[in-house]
Amino acid sequence: MKRTFIALAALGTFTFASIGADALPTKDKAATEFVQDQRKEIKYEELPEAVRTAFEDSQYGQWEVSQVHEVAAEQGTQYELTITDGTQSGTLTFDEEGNMVQ
């Protein structure tokens, strides 16, 4: 009888633990989608003139721009330019006035 009670108590504990694990918070899909909605792809020509000028006058001005994203950030709108020179690639971020953001 004592063994049966211990076995049932253990089974109950494991069942409770697995239910508790399912109740743990997971990544909120709605929150992830909300963040993604604030970032949209635009054409290079749609960049503010200050951003285009800053990029073209930078040391990367001769690199090819493959993608441009407009990002709504707490500090204001930012622009991410994905660039490549054929062997290297990277992303530059500018604010609305054309200042490069780290």
Protein backbone atom coordinates (compact mmCIF):
# COMPACT_ATOMS: atom_id res chain seq x y z
CA MET A 1 0.00 0.00 0.00
CA LYS A 2 2.84 2.38 0.88
CA ARG A 3 4.51 1.72 -2.51
CA THR A 4 1.25 2.40 -4.35
CA PHE A 5 0.82 5.71 -2.52
CA ILE A 6 4.41 6.77 -3.33
CA ALA A 7 3.96 5.78 -7.00
CA LEU A 8 0.71 7.76 -7.27
CA ALA A 9 2.28 10.77 -5.55
CA ALA A 10 5.25 10.65 -7.96
CA LEU A 11 2.94 10.31 -10.97
CA GLY A 12 0.90 13.29 -9.75
CA THR A 13 4.04 15.38 -9.29
CA PHE A 14 5.32 14.59 -12.80
CA THR A 15 1.90 15.32 -14.31
CA PHE A 16 1.73 18.66 -12.50
CA ALA A 17 5.28 19.51 -13.60
CA SER A 18 4.46 18.86 -17.27
CA ILE A 19 1.33 20.98 -17.06
CA GLY A 20 3.36 23.75 -15.46
CA ALA A 21 5.92 23.59 -18.27
CA ASP A 22 3.17 24.12 -20.86
CA ALA A 23 2.06 27.22 -19.02
CA LEU A 24 5.46 28.91 -19.24
CA PRO A 25 5.52 32.05 -21.37
CA THR A 26 6.70 31.60 -24.93
CA LYS A 27 7.54 34.04 -27.67
CA ASP A 28 4.49 36.17 -28.28
CA LYS A 29 3.70 35.84 -31.97
CA ALA A 30 1.65 39.04 -31.99
CA ALA A 31 4.56 41.00 -30.47
CA THR A 32 6.95 39.57 -33.06
CA GLU A 33 4.59 40.53 -35.88
CA PHE A 34 4.20 44.03 -34.40
CA VAL A 35 7.97 44.56 -34.53
CA GLN A 36 8.13 43.23 -38.09
CA ASP A 37 5.31 45.55 -39.16
CA GLN A 38 7.46 48.56 -38.24
CA ARG A 39 10.14 47.60 -40.77
CA LYS A 40 9.34 47.83 -44.45
CA GLU A 41 11.35 47.51 -47.61
CA ILE A 42 11.50 50.59 -49.82
CA LYS A 43 13.31 51.56 -53.02
CA TYR A 44 16.62 53.42 -52.92
CA GLU A 45 14.98 56.33 -54.74
CA GLU A 46 12.46 56.66 -51.87
CA LEU A 47 15.20 57.48 -49.34
CA PRO A 48 15.27 61.04 -48.03
CA GLU A 49 17.79 63.10 -49.97
CA ALA A 50 19.91 63.61 -46.84
CA VAL A 51 20.30 59.83 -46.44
CA ARG A 52 21.16 59.27 -50.12
CA THR A 53 23.73 62.08 -50.04
CA ALA A 54 25.29 60.79 -46.80
CA PHE A 55 25.60 57.28 -48.24
CA GLU A 56 26.99 58.43 -51.58
CA ASP A 57 29.55 60.68 -49.83
CA SER A 58 30.62 57.92 -47.43
CA GLN A 59 33.52 55.52 -47.91
CA TYR A 60 30.91 52.97 -49.10
CA GLY A 61 29.37 55.25 -51.72
CA GLN A 62 30.59 53.07 -54.60
CA TRP A 63 29.17 49.87 -53.10
CA GLU A 64 25.99 48.34 -54.53
CA VAL A 65 22.80 48.74 -52.48
CA SER A 66 20.85 45.47 -52.59
CA GLN A 67 18.06 46.33 -50.11
CA VAL A 68 16.72 49.35 -48.25
CA HIS A 69 14.48 49.16 -45.19
CA GLU A 70 12.65 51.95 -43.43
CA VAL A 71 12.50 51.20 -39.70
CA ALA A 72 10.28 52.94 -37.17
CA ALA A 73 12.44 53.26 -34.04
CA GLU A 74 11.97 55.04 -30.73
CA GLN A 75 14.51 57.67 -31.83
CA GLY A 76 12.60 58.27 -35.09
CA THR A 77 12.68 56.72 -38.52
CA GLN A 78 15.91 55.00 -39.52
CA TYR A 79 17.04 53.58 -42.83
CA GLU A 80 19.01 50.33 -43.20
CA LEU A 81 20.96 49.89 -46.40
CA THR A 82 22.25 46.41 -47.20
CA ILE A 83 25.36 46.91 -49.32
CA THR A 84 27.98 44.81 -51.11
CA ASP A 85 31.14 45.37 -53.10
CA GLY A 86 31.16 41.88 -54.60
CA THR A 87 33.38 40.28 -51.96
CA GLN A 88 32.08 41.86 -48.76
CA SER A 89 28.64 42.87 -47.59
CA GLY A 90 27.13 44.69 -44.65
CA THR A 91 24.39 46.95 -43.40
CA LEU A 92 24.57 50.69 -42.80
CA THR A 93 21.95 52.50 -40.74
CA PHE A 94 21.16 56.20 -41.09
CA ASP A 95 18.74 58.49 -39.27
CA GLU A 96 16.44 60.87 -41.17
CA GLU A 97 19.08 63.62 -41.29
CA GLY A 98 21.65 61.33 -42.90
CA ASN A 99 23.72 60.68 -39.78
CA MET A 100 25.15 57.17 -39.62
CA VAL A 101 23.81 55.26 -36.61
CA GLN A 102 25.96 52.70 -34.80
